[in-house]
Amino acid sequence: MRQKGFTLIELMIVVGVVAILAAIAIPSYLEQSRKGRRADALRAVGDMQLALERWRSENPSYAAGCSGCGSGTYPATPTSPYYSIAVNATAATYTITATATGAQQGDRCGNLSATVGSKPDWSGDADCDH
């Protein structure tokens, strides 16, 4: 009478193949997640730049609470679960900085910053600019 089933060697081969596939797939998945979070930060910083330029087009300063500012609502600083976004605005200039936090901390692209008249730029890997 012949028994049916898998041998221990066959099971170990299957476990090995699954482990190799997981070793390839998991890092790729994590990088795609980080890439999506970077895109969200880039969008938030770009939106804040547009909002500050819109504010400045109607007021004499980029800063909130400036003397002689017209009526209107100063743009709110965007929020993100993976980046801490800070805005430093003066009468003639502004700097927006998105600092990686939480699961995004230690990302190869580093932090994102933008100033008047410039596109947002990453502080880390040069490959992050696209």
Protein backbone atom coordinates (compact mmCIF):
# COMPACT_ATOMS: atom_id res chain seq x y z
CA MET A 1 0.00 0.00 0.00
CA ARG A 2 1.48 3.32 -1.10
CA GLN A 3 0.99 6.46 1.05
CA LYS A 4 0.10 9.75 -0.57
CA GLY A 5 1.50 13.12 0.46
CA PHE A 6 4.60 15.28 0.26
CA THR A 7 8.03 14.42 1.47
CA LEU A 8 9.93 16.68 3.82
CA ILE A 9 12.32 17.60 1.00
CA GLU A 10 9.45 18.73 -1.25
CA LEU A 11 8.00 20.86 1.53
CA MET A 12 11.40 22.45 2.25
CA ILE A 13 11.83 23.30 -1.44
CA VAL A 14 8.42 25.03 -1.48
CA VAL A 15 9.25 26.97 1.71
CA GLY A 16 12.57 28.04 0.16
CA VAL A 17 10.91 29.27 -3.04
CA VAL A 18 8.31 31.22 -1.05
CA ALA A 19 11.06 32.78 1.10
CA ILE A 20 12.99 33.87 -2.00
CA LEU A 21 9.87 35.43 -3.53
CA ALA A 22 9.07 37.23 -0.26
CA ALA A 23 12.66 38.54 -0.04
CA ILE A 24 12.19 40.12 -3.46
CA ALA A 25 8.60 41.35 -3.11
CA ILE A 26 8.59 42.90 0.39
CA PRO A 27 11.37 45.50 -0.17
CA SER A 28 9.78 46.47 -3.48
CA TYR A 29 6.40 46.93 -1.80
CA LEU A 30 7.91 49.03 1.00
CA GLU A 31 9.73 51.28 -1.50
CA GLN A 32 6.50 51.84 -3.44
CA SER A 33 4.75 52.80 -0.18
CA ARG A 34 7.50 55.32 0.62
CA LYS A 35 7.30 56.66 -2.94
CA GLY A 36 3.57 57.26 -2.54
CA ARG A 37 4.14 59.11 0.74
CA ARG A 38 6.81 61.26 -0.94
CA ALA A 39 4.30 62.14 -3.67
CA ASP A 40 1.80 63.23 -1.01
CA ALA A 41 4.42 65.45 0.64
CA LEU A 42 5.38 66.94 -2.72
CA ARG A 43 1.72 67.72 -3.45
CA ALA A 44 1.22 69.29 0.01
CA VAL A 45 4.30 71.52 -0.34
CA GLY A 46 3.31 72.51 -3.89
CA ASP A 47 -0.23 73.34 -2.74
CA MET A 48 1.18 75.48 0.08
CA GLN A 49 3.44 77.32 -2.38
CA LEU A 50 0.43 78.08 -4.57
CA ALA A 51 -1.60 79.23 -1.57
CA LEU A 52 1.20 81.55 -0.40
CA GLU A 53 1.62 83.01 -3.88
CA ARG A 54 -2.13 83.57 -4.07
CA TRP A 55 -2.01 85.27 -0.63
CA ARG A 56 0.93 87.45 -1.72
CA SER A 57 -0.88 88.49 -4.91
CA GLU A 58 -3.56 90.10 -2.74
CA ASN A 59 -1.40 91.30 0.17
CA PRO A 60 1.90 93.18 0.53
CA SER A 61 3.65 90.33 2.36
CA TYR A 62 3.98 86.54 2.51
CA ALA A 63 3.74 86.69 6.31
CA ALA A 64 0.53 86.26 8.27
CA GLY A 65 -0.67 89.23 10.28
CA CYS A 66 1.28 91.76 8.24
CA SER A 67 0.42 95.42 8.59
CA GLY A 68 -1.75 96.59 5.73
CA CYS A 69 -2.88 93.09 4.82
CA GLY A 70 -6.26 93.01 3.21
CA SER A 71 -9.09 90.84 4.30
CA GLY A 72 -8.78 87.18 3.59
CA THR A 73 -7.77 83.99 5.23
CA TYR A 74 -4.11 83.14 5.53
CA PRO A 75 -3.37 79.69 4.07
CA ALA A 76 -3.40 76.85 6.58
CA THR A 77 -0.29 74.72 6.89
CA PRO A 78 -1.03 71.29 5.41
CA THR A 79 -0.85 68.21 7.61
CA SER A 80 0.56 64.79 6.83
CA PRO A 81 0.87 61.60 8.89
CA TYR A 82 4.36 60.95 7.50
CA TYR A 83 5.83 64.46 7.19
CA SER A 84 5.96 67.39 9.57
CA ILE A 85 5.34 70.46 7.42
CA ALA A 86 6.53 73.88 8.59
CA VAL A 87 6.18 77.28 6.94
CA ASN A 88 8.50 80.21 7.72
CA ALA A 89 7.24 83.32 5.94
CA THR A 90 8.54 86.89 6.05
CA ALA A 91 7.50 89.96 4.09
CA ALA A 92 9.54 89.08 1.00
CA THR A 93 10.16 85.34 1.17
CA TYR A 94 9.05 82.00 2.53
CA THR A 95 10.50 78.57 3.18
CA ILE A 96 8.37 75.45 3.37
CA THR A 97 9.98 72.36 4.88
CA ALA A 98 8.55 68.84 5.03
CA THR A 99 10.51 66.71 7.52
CA ALA A 100 10.05 62.95 7.35
CA THR A 101 8.51 61.41 10.49
CA GLY A 102 7.18 58.04 11.59
CA ALA A 103 7.44 55.23 9.04
CA GLN A 104 8.93 57.67 6.51
CA GLN A 105 11.81 58.69 8.77
CA GLY A 106 15.17 57.61 7.40
CA ASP A 107 13.89 57.60 3.81
CA ARG A 108 16.67 57.84 1.22
CA CYS A 109 15.20 61.06 -0.20
CA GLY A 110 15.49 62.96 3.08
CA ASN A 111 13.42 66.09 3.66
CA LEU A 112 11.63 68.31 1.18
CA SER A 113 11.97 72.09 1.05
CA ALA A 114 10.79 74.90 -1.19
CA THR A 115 11.39 78.65 -1.31
CA VAL A 116 10.05 81.56 -3.34
CA GLY A 117 10.46 80.93 -7.06
CA SER A 118 11.87 77.41 -6.75
CA LYS A 119 10.39 73.99 -7.16
CA PRO A 120 10.38 71.69 -4.12
CA ASP A 121 13.69 69.87 -3.71
CA TRP A 122 14.70 66.76 -1.73
CA SER A 123 17.72 66.92 0.55
CA GLY A 124 18.77 63.28 0.01
CA ASP A 125 19.25 61.03 -3.01
CA ALA A 126 19.38 62.91 -6.33
CA ASP A 127 17.22 60.18 -7.89
CA CYS A 128 14.19 61.48 -5.95
CA ASP A 129 13.61 64.53 -8.15
CA HIS A 130 11.34 62.79 -10.64
